[in-house]
PDB file of N, CA and C in Angstrom:
ATOM      1  N   MET A   1      41.020 -34.556 -22.697  1.00  0.00           N
ATOM      2  CA  MET A   1      39.780 -33.855 -22.789  1.00  0.00           C
ATOM      3  C   MET A   1      39.757 -32.739 -21.736  1.00  0.00           C
ATOM      4  N   ARG A   2      39.368 -31.574 -22.153  1.00  0.00           N
ATOM      5  CA  ARG A   2      39.341 -30.416 -21.266  1.00  0.00           C
ATOM      6  C   ARG A   2      37.933 -30.172 -20.768  1.00  0.00           C
ATOM      7  N   GLY A   3      37.826 -29.772 -19.506  1.00  0.00           N
ATOM      8  CA  GLY A   3      36.527 -29.451 -18.925  1.00  0.00           C
ATOM      9  C   GLY A   3      36.156 -27.986 -19.191  1.00  0.00           C
ATOM     10  N   ILE A   4      34.970 -27.664 -18.841  1.00  0.00           N
ATOM     11  CA  ILE A   4      34.505 -26.289 -18.975  1.00  0.00           C
ATOM     12  C   ILE A   4      35.089 -25.488 -17.809  1.00  0.00           C
ATOM     13  N   PRO A   5      35.663 -24.324 -18.104  1.00  0.00           N
ATOM     14  CA  PRO A   5      36.241 -23.534 -17.013  1.00  0.00           C
ATOM     15  C   PRO A   5      35.133 -23.033 -16.074  1.00  0.00           C
ATOM     16  N   ILE A   6      35.436 -23.076 -14.792  1.00  0.00           N
ATOM     17  CA  ILE A   6      34.458 -22.662 -13.790  1.00  0.00           C
ATOM     18  C   ILE A   6      34.971 -21.410 -13.095  1.00  0.00           C
ATOM     19  N   ASP A   7      34.118 -20.395 -13.042  1.00  0.00           N
ATOM     20  CA  ASP A   7      34.456 -19.166 -12.341  1.00  0.00           C
ATOM     21  C   ASP A   7      33.995 -19.332 -10.900  1.00  0.00           C
ATOM     22  N   LYS A   8      34.932 -19.543  -9.995  1.00  0.00           N
ATOM     23  CA  LYS A   8      34.580 -19.816  -8.604  1.00  0.00           C
ATOM     24  C   LYS A   8      34.080 -18.581  -7.874  1.00  0.00           C
ATOM     25  N   LYS A   9      34.289 -17.379  -8.420  1.00  0.00           N
ATOM     26  CA  LYS A   9      33.820 -16.159  -7.796  1.00  0.00           C
ATOM     27  C   LYS A   9      32.376 -15.837  -8.181  1.00  0.00           C
ATOM     28  N   ALA A  10      31.894 -16.412  -9.252  1.00  0.00           N
ATOM     29  CA  ALA A  10      30.529 -16.118  -9.714  1.00  0.00           C
ATOM     30  C   ALA A  10      29.512 -16.764  -8.776  1.00  0.00           C
ATOM     31  N   LYS A  11      28.423 -16.028  -8.528  1.00  0.00           N
ATOM     32  CA  LYS A  11      27.353 -16.569  -7.696  1.00  0.00           C
ATOM     33  C   LYS A  11      26.544 -17.557  -8.525  1.00  0.00           C
ATOM     34  N   PRO A  12      26.059 -18.598  -7.877  1.00  0.00           N
ATOM     35  CA  PRO A  12      25.235 -19.545  -8.617  1.00  0.00           C
ATOM     36  C   PRO A  12      23.962 -18.866  -9.116  1.00  0.00           C
ATOM     37  N   ARG A  13      23.410 -19.352 -10.210  1.00  0.00           N
ATOM     38  CA  ARG A  13      22.206 -18.781 -10.795  1.00  0.00           C
ATOM     39  C   ARG A  13      21.058 -18.821  -9.799  1.00  0.00           C
ATOM     40  N   ARG A  14      21.023 -19.832  -8.971  1.00  0.00           N
ATOM     41  CA  ARG A  14      19.951 -19.967  -7.993  1.00  0.00           C
ATOM     42  C   ARG A  14      19.893 -18.772  -7.051  1.00  0.00           C
ATOM     43  N   ALA A  15      21.043 -18.252  -6.676  1.00  0.00           N
ATOM     44  CA  ALA A  15      21.082 -17.103  -5.775  1.00  0.00           C
ATOM     45  C   ALA A  15      20.366 -15.917  -6.410  1.00  0.00           C
ATOM     46  N   GLY A  16      20.542 -15.716  -7.703  1.00  0.00           N
ATOM     47  CA  GLY A  16      19.867 -14.629  -8.401  1.00  0.00           C
ATOM     48  C   GLY A  16      18.362 -14.793  -8.370  1.00  0.00           C
ATOM     49  N   ILE A  17      17.892 -16.010  -8.525  1.00  0.00           N
ATOM     50  CA  ILE A  17      16.455 -16.279  -8.495  1.00  0.00           C
ATOM     51  C   ILE A  17      15.904 -16.050  -7.098  1.00  0.00           C
ATOM     52  N   VAL A  18      16.642 -16.477  -6.090  1.00  0.00           N
ATOM     53  CA  VAL A  18      16.207 -16.293  -4.703  1.00  0.00           C
ATOM     54  C   VAL A  18      16.105 -14.802  -4.377  1.00  0.00           C
ATOM     55  N   ILE A  19      17.079 -14.028  -4.811  1.00  0.00           N
ATOM     56  CA  ILE A  19      17.047 -12.581  -4.579  1.00  0.00           C
ATOM     57  C   ILE A  19      15.868 -11.956  -5.310  1.00  0.00           C
ATOM     58  N   PHE A  20      15.650 -12.360  -6.552  1.00  0.00           N
ATOM     59  CA  PHE A  20      14.520 -11.844  -7.322  1.00  0.00           C
ATOM     60  C   PHE A  20      13.201 -12.153  -6.625  1.00  0.00           C
ATOM     61  N   LEU A  21      13.034 -13.378  -6.149  1.00  0.00           N
ATOM     62  CA  LEU A  21      11.789 -13.763  -5.481  1.00  0.00           C
ATOM     63  C   LEU A  21      11.601 -13.010  -4.169  1.00  0.00           C
ATOM     64  N   ALA A  22      12.678 -12.770  -3.447  1.00  0.00           N
ATOM     65  CA  ALA A  22      12.592 -11.999  -2.203  1.00  0.00           C
ATOM     66  C   ALA A  22      12.171 -10.561  -2.504  1.00  0.00           C
ATOM     67  N   ASP A  23      12.752  -9.969  -3.540  1.00  0.00           N
ATOM     68  CA  ASP A  23      12.371  -8.608  -3.942  1.00  0.00           C
ATOM     69  C   ASP A  23      10.917  -8.564  -4.398  1.00  0.00           C
ATOM     70  N   LEU A  24      10.499  -9.559  -5.137  1.00  0.00           N
ATOM     71  CA  LEU A  24       9.118  -9.639  -5.608  1.00  0.00           C
ATOM     72  C   LEU A  24       8.158  -9.753  -4.423  1.00  0.00           C
ATOM     73  N   ARG A  25       8.513 -10.571  -3.453  1.00  0.00           N
ATOM     74  CA  ARG A  25       7.674 -10.741  -2.259  1.00  0.00           C
ATOM     75  C   ARG A  25       7.527  -9.422  -1.502  1.00  0.00           C
ATOM     76  N   ARG A  26       8.649  -8.697  -1.338  1.00  0.00           N
ATOM     77  CA  ARG A  26       8.600  -7.402  -0.662  1.00  0.00           C
ATOM     78  C   ARG A  26       7.716  -6.422  -1.423  1.00  0.00           C
ATOM     79  N   SER A  27       7.814  -6.426  -2.735  1.00  0.00           N
ATOM     80  CA  SER A  27       6.995  -5.532  -3.558  1.00  0.00           C
ATOM     81  C   SER A  27       5.518  -5.868  -3.438  1.00  0.00           C
ATOM     82  N   VAL A  28       5.202  -7.140  -3.437  1.00  0.00           N
ATOM     83  CA  VAL A  28       3.804  -7.566  -3.304  1.00  0.00           C
ATOM     84  C   VAL A  28       3.269  -7.179  -1.926  1.00  0.00           C
ATOM     85  N   LEU A  29       4.083  -7.350  -0.889  1.00  0.00           N
ATOM     86  CA  LEU A  29       3.657  -6.964   0.456  1.00  0.00           C
ATOM     87  C   LEU A  29       3.434  -5.458   0.561  1.00  0.00           C
ATOM     88  N   ARG A  30       4.310  -4.664  -0.074  1.00  0.00           N
ATOM     89  CA  ARG A  30       4.120  -3.207  -0.070  1.00  0.00           C
ATOM     90  C   ARG A  30       2.837  -2.838  -0.796  1.00  0.00           C
ATOM     91  N   LEU A  31       2.574  -3.486  -1.921  1.00  0.00           N
ATOM     92  CA  LEU A  31       1.342  -3.229  -2.673  1.00  0.00           C
ATOM     93  C   LEU A  31       0.118  -3.617  -1.849  1.00  0.00           C
ATOM     94  N   GLU A  32       0.186  -4.746  -1.187  1.00  0.00           N
ATOM     95  CA  GLU A  32      -0.922  -5.199  -0.345  1.00  0.00           C
ATOM     96  C   GLU A  32      -1.189  -4.202   0.792  1.00  0.00           C
ATOM     97  N   THR A  33      -0.132  -3.694   1.408  1.00  0.00           N
ATOM     98  CA  THR A  33      -0.277  -2.713   2.477  1.00  0.00           C
ATOM     99  C   THR A  33      -0.877  -1.412   1.943  1.00  0.00           C
ATOM    100  N   TRP A  34      -0.410  -0.959   0.797  1.00  0.00           N
ATOM    101  CA  TRP A  34      -0.926   0.266   0.191  1.00  0.00           C
ATOM    102  C   TRP A  34      -2.408   0.122  -0.137  1.00  0.00           C
ATOM    103  N   LEU A  35      -2.794  -1.012  -0.715  1.00  0.00           N
ATOM    104  CA  LEU A  35      -4.204  -1.244  -1.045  1.00  0.00           C
ATOM    105  C   LEU A  35      -5.070  -1.286   0.215  1.00  0.00           C
ATOM    106  N   ALA A  36      -4.567  -1.906   1.271  1.00  0.00           N
ATOM    107  CA  ALA A  36      -5.312  -1.950   2.534  1.00  0.00           C
ATOM    108  C   ALA A  36      -5.475  -0.540   3.106  1.00  0.00           C
ATOM    109  N   ASP A  37      -4.424   0.267   3.009  1.00  0.00           N
ATOM    110  CA  ASP A  37      -4.498   1.651   3.488  1.00  0.00           C
ATOM    111  C   ASP A  37      -5.526   2.448   2.684  1.00  0.00           C
ATOM    112  N   CYS A  38      -5.512   2.278   1.363  1.00  0.00           N
ATOM    113  CA  CYS A  38      -6.486   2.969   0.505  1.00  0.00           C
ATOM    114  C   CYS A  38      -7.904   2.560   0.867  1.00  0.00           C
ATOM    115  N   SER A  39      -8.106   1.288   1.077  1.00  0.00           N
ATOM    116  CA  SER A  39      -9.426   0.783   1.436  1.00  0.00           C
ATOM    117  C   SER A  39      -9.890   1.353   2.773  1.00  0.00           C
ATOM    118  N   GLU A  40      -8.985   1.404   3.736  1.00  0.00           N
ATOM    119  CA  GLU A  40      -9.327   1.942   5.054  1.00  0.00           C
ATOM    120  C   GLU A  40      -9.671   3.428   4.970  1.00  0.00           C
ATOM    121  N   ARG A  41      -8.892   4.196   4.194  1.00  0.00           N
ATOM    122  CA  ARG A  41      -9.190   5.623   4.040  1.00  0.00           C
ATOM    123  C   ARG A  41     -10.564   5.827   3.407  1.00  0.00           C
ATOM    124  N   ALA A  42     -10.870   5.051   2.361  1.00  0.00           N
ATOM    125  CA  ALA A  42     -12.168   5.171   1.699  1.00  0.00           C
ATOM    126  C   ALA A  42     -13.296   4.824   2.671  1.00  0.00           C
ATOM    127  N   LYS A  43     -13.096   3.798   3.474  1.00  0.00           N
ATOM    128  CA  LYS A  43     -14.100   3.389   4.467  1.00  0.00           C
ATOM    129  C   LYS A  43     -14.326   4.500   5.491  1.00  0.00           C
ATOM    130  N   GLN A  44     -13.243   5.103   5.977  1.00  0.00           N
ATOM    131  CA  GLN A  44     -13.358   6.176   6.960  1.00  0.00           C
ATOM    132  C   GLN A  44     -14.059   7.396   6.368  1.00  0.00           C
ATOM    133  N   ARG A  45     -13.778   7.687   5.104  1.00  0.00           N
ATOM    134  CA  ARG A  45     -14.436   8.831   4.463  1.00  0.00           C
ATOM    135  C   ARG A  45     -15.927   8.582   4.258  1.00  0.00           C
ATOM    136  N   ARG A  46     -16.288   7.347   3.934  1.00  0.00           N
ATOM    137  CA  ARG A  46     -17.717   7.022   3.814  1.00  0.00           C
ATOM    138  C   ARG A  46     -18.408   7.164   5.163  1.00  0.00           C
ATOM    139  N   ALA A  47     -17.732   6.725   6.219  1.00  0.00           N
ATOM    140  CA  ALA A  47     -18.306   6.847   7.561  1.00  0.00           C
ATOM    141  C   ALA A  47     -18.447   8.318   7.948  1.00  0.00           C
ATOM    142  N   LEU A  48     -17.453   9.119   7.618  1.00  0.00           N
ATOM    143  CA  LEU A  48     -17.513  10.544   7.912  1.00  0.00           C
ATOM    144  C   LEU A  48     -18.666  11.206   7.162  1.00  0.00           C
ATOM    145  N   ALA A  49     -18.854  10.814   5.912  1.00  0.00           N
ATOM    146  CA  ALA A  49     -19.936  11.380   5.096  1.00  0.00           C
ATOM    147  C   ALA A  49     -21.304  11.011   5.647  1.00  0.00           C
ATOM    148  N   SER A  50     -21.405   9.885   6.322  1.00  0.00           N
ATOM    149  CA  SER A  50     -22.698   9.429   6.810  1.00  0.00           C
ATOM    150  C   SER A  50     -23.084  10.027   8.163  1.00  0.00           C
ATOM    151  N   LEU A  51     -22.158  10.758   8.799  1.00  0.00           N
ATOM    152  CA  LEU A  51     -22.462  11.352  10.103  1.00  0.00           C
ATOM    153  C   LEU A  51     -23.500  12.465   9.962  1.00  0.00           C
ATOM    154  N   THR A  52     -24.330  12.578  10.953  1.00  0.00           N
ATOM    155  CA  THR A  52     -25.329  13.647  10.966  1.00  0.00           C
ATOM    156  C   THR A  52     -24.659  14.962  11.349  1.00  0.00           C
ATOM    157  N   ASP A  53     -25.348  16.065  11.082  1.00  0.00           N
ATOM    158  CA  ASP A  53     -24.804  17.370  11.468  1.00  0.00           C
ATOM    159  C   ASP A  53     -24.605  17.448  12.982  1.00  0.00           C
ATOM    160  N   HIS A  54     -25.507  16.838  13.740  1.00  0.00           N
ATOM    161  CA  HIS A  54     -25.372  16.818  15.195  1.00  0.00           C
ATOM    162  C   HIS A  54     -24.102  16.064  15.614  1.00  0.00           C
ATOM    163  N   ALA A  55     -23.859  14.916  15.014  1.00  0.00           N
ATOM    164  CA  ALA A  55     -22.658  14.137  15.336  1.00  0.00           C
ATOM    165  C   ALA A  55     -21.400  14.912  14.946  1.00  0.00           C
ATOM    166  N   LEU A  56     -21.450  15.598  13.812  1.00  0.00           N
ATOM    167  CA  LEU A  56     -20.297  16.397  13.395  1.00  0.00           C
ATOM    168  C   LEU A  56     -20.028  17.526  14.388  1.00  0.00           C
ATOM    169  N   ARG A  57     -21.082  18.161  14.868  1.00  0.00           N
ATOM    170  CA  ARG A  57     -20.908  19.217  15.877  1.00  0.00           C
ATOM    171  C   ARG A  57     -20.262  18.653  17.144  1.00  0.00           C
ATOM    172  N   ASP A  58     -20.646  17.430  17.502  1.00  0.00           N
ATOM    173  CA  ASP A  58     -20.062  16.795  18.689  1.00  0.00           C
ATOM    174  C   ASP A  58     -18.540  16.639  18.579  1.00  0.00           C
ATOM    175  N   ILE A  59     -18.062  16.424  17.370  1.00  0.00           N
ATOM    176  CA  ILE A  59     -16.610  16.273  17.188  1.00  0.00           C
ATOM    177  C   ILE A  59     -15.964  17.574  16.710  1.00  0.00           C
ATOM    178  N   GLY A  60     -16.756  18.642  16.674  1.00  0.00           N
ATOM    179  CA  GLY A  60     -16.207  19.955  16.359  1.00  0.00           C
ATOM    180  C   GLY A  60     -16.047  20.258  14.895  1.00  0.00           C
ATOM    181  N   LEU A  61     -16.814  19.590  14.029  1.00  0.00           N
ATOM    182  CA  LEU A  61     -16.727  19.819  12.589  1.00  0.00           C
ATOM    183  C   LEU A  61     -18.087  20.225  12.031  1.00  0.00           C
ATOM    184  N   THR A  62     -18.050  20.839  10.860  1.00  0.00           N
ATOM    185  CA  THR A  62     -19.287  21.136  10.141  1.00  0.00           C
ATOM    186  C   THR A  62     -19.257  20.373   8.823  1.00  0.00           C
ATOM    187  N   ARG A  63     -20.383  20.343   8.163  1.00  0.00           N
ATOM    188  CA  ARG A  63     -20.473  19.666   6.877  1.00  0.00           C
ATOM    189  C   ARG A  63     -19.478  20.285   5.890  1.00  0.00           C
ATOM    190  N   VAL A  64     -19.322  21.599   5.933  1.00  0.00           N
ATOM    191  CA  VAL A  64     -18.383  22.296   5.044  1.00  0.00           C
ATOM    192  C   VAL A  64     -16.949  21.854   5.329  1.00  0.00           C
ATOM    193  N   ASP A  65     -16.635  21.646   6.610  1.00  0.00           N
ATOM    194  CA  ASP A  65     -15.276  21.226   6.991  1.00  0.00           C
ATOM    195  C   ASP A  65     -14.885  19.889   6.373  1.00  0.00           C
ATOM    196  N   ILE A  66     -15.821  19.000   6.220  1.00  0.00           N
ATOM    197  CA  ILE A  66     -15.467  17.648   5.773  1.00  0.00           C
ATOM    198  C   ILE A  66     -15.637  17.430   4.272  1.00  0.00           C
ATOM    199  N   GLU A  67     -16.237  18.380   3.555  1.00  0.00           N
ATOM    200  CA  GLU A  67     -16.469  18.187   2.119  1.00  0.00           C
ATOM    201  C   GLU A  67     -15.185  17.887   1.348  1.00  0.00           C
ATOM    202  N   ALA A  68     -14.122  18.634   1.620  1.00  0.00           N
ATOM    203  CA  ALA A  68     -12.858  18.402   0.897  1.00  0.00           C
ATOM    204  C   ALA A  68     -12.308  17.014   1.184  1.00  0.00           C
ATOM    205  N   GLU A  69     -12.422  16.568   2.423  1.00  0.00           N
ATOM    206  CA  GLU A  69     -11.923  15.234   2.788  1.00  0.00           C
ATOM    207  C   GLU A  69     -12.746  14.137   2.124  1.00  0.00           C
ATOM    208  N   ILE A  70     -14.048  14.322   2.097  1.00  0.00           N
ATOM    209  CA  ILE A  70     -14.938  13.316   1.527  1.00  0.00           C
ATOM    210  C   ILE A  70     -14.715  13.175   0.013  1.00  0.00           C
ATOM    211  N   ASP A  71     -14.384  14.277  -0.646  1.00  0.00           N
ATOM    212  CA  ASP A  71     -14.215  14.261  -2.107  1.00  0.00           C
ATOM    213  C   ASP A  71     -12.912  13.629  -2.555  1.00  0.00           C
ATOM    214  N   LYS A  72     -11.969  13.422  -1.647  1.00  0.00           N
ATOM    215  CA  LYS A  72     -10.678  12.807  -2.032  1.00  0.00           C
ATOM    216  C   LYS A  72     -10.893  11.346  -2.417  1.00  0.00           C
ATOM    217  N   PRO A  73     -10.147  10.859  -3.404  1.00  0.00           N
ATOM    218  CA  PRO A  73     -10.176   9.429  -3.708  1.00  0.00           C
ATOM    219  C   PRO A  73      -9.487   8.634  -2.591  1.00  0.00           C
ATOM    220  N   GLY A  74      -9.802   7.376  -2.489  1.00  0.00           N
ATOM    221  CA  GLY A  74      -9.267   6.542  -1.423  1.00  0.00           C
ATOM    222  C   GLY A  74      -7.757   6.410  -1.422  1.00  0.00           C
ATOM    223  N   TRP A  75      -7.124   6.547  -2.590  1.00  0.00           N
ATOM    224  CA  TRP A  75      -5.675   6.375  -2.649  1.00  0.00           C
ATOM    225  C   TRP A  75      -4.927   7.611  -2.169  1.00  0.00           C
ATOM    226  N   ARG A  76      -5.632   8.751  -2.073  1.00  0.00           N
ATOM    227  CA  ARG A  76      -4.934   9.966  -1.650  1.00  0.00           C
ATOM    228  C   ARG A  76      -5.049  10.158  -0.144  1.00  0.00           C
ATOM    229  N   PRO A  77      -3.909  10.309   0.555  1.00  0.00           N
ATOM    230  CA  PRO A  77      -3.964  10.522   2.015  1.00  0.00           C
ATOM    231  C   PRO A  77      -4.564  11.866   2.360  1.00  0.00           C
TER     232      PRO A  77
END
């Protein structure tokens, strides 16, 4: 009776799954970081929009200066 030939150079199937899961984890972490960055940018823009003209003058800006920044979506840097 003959056995099934085994390729000793081939990586076990488990290694492929482990690599896939590691890549998936890295992708999820990158997505999580990107979403957190988008959320932070949106929060900062809302805070900037809520500043009074006096507060804006204190930091050297005018309402016109910040309009373009405020109009950007949160995902755009």
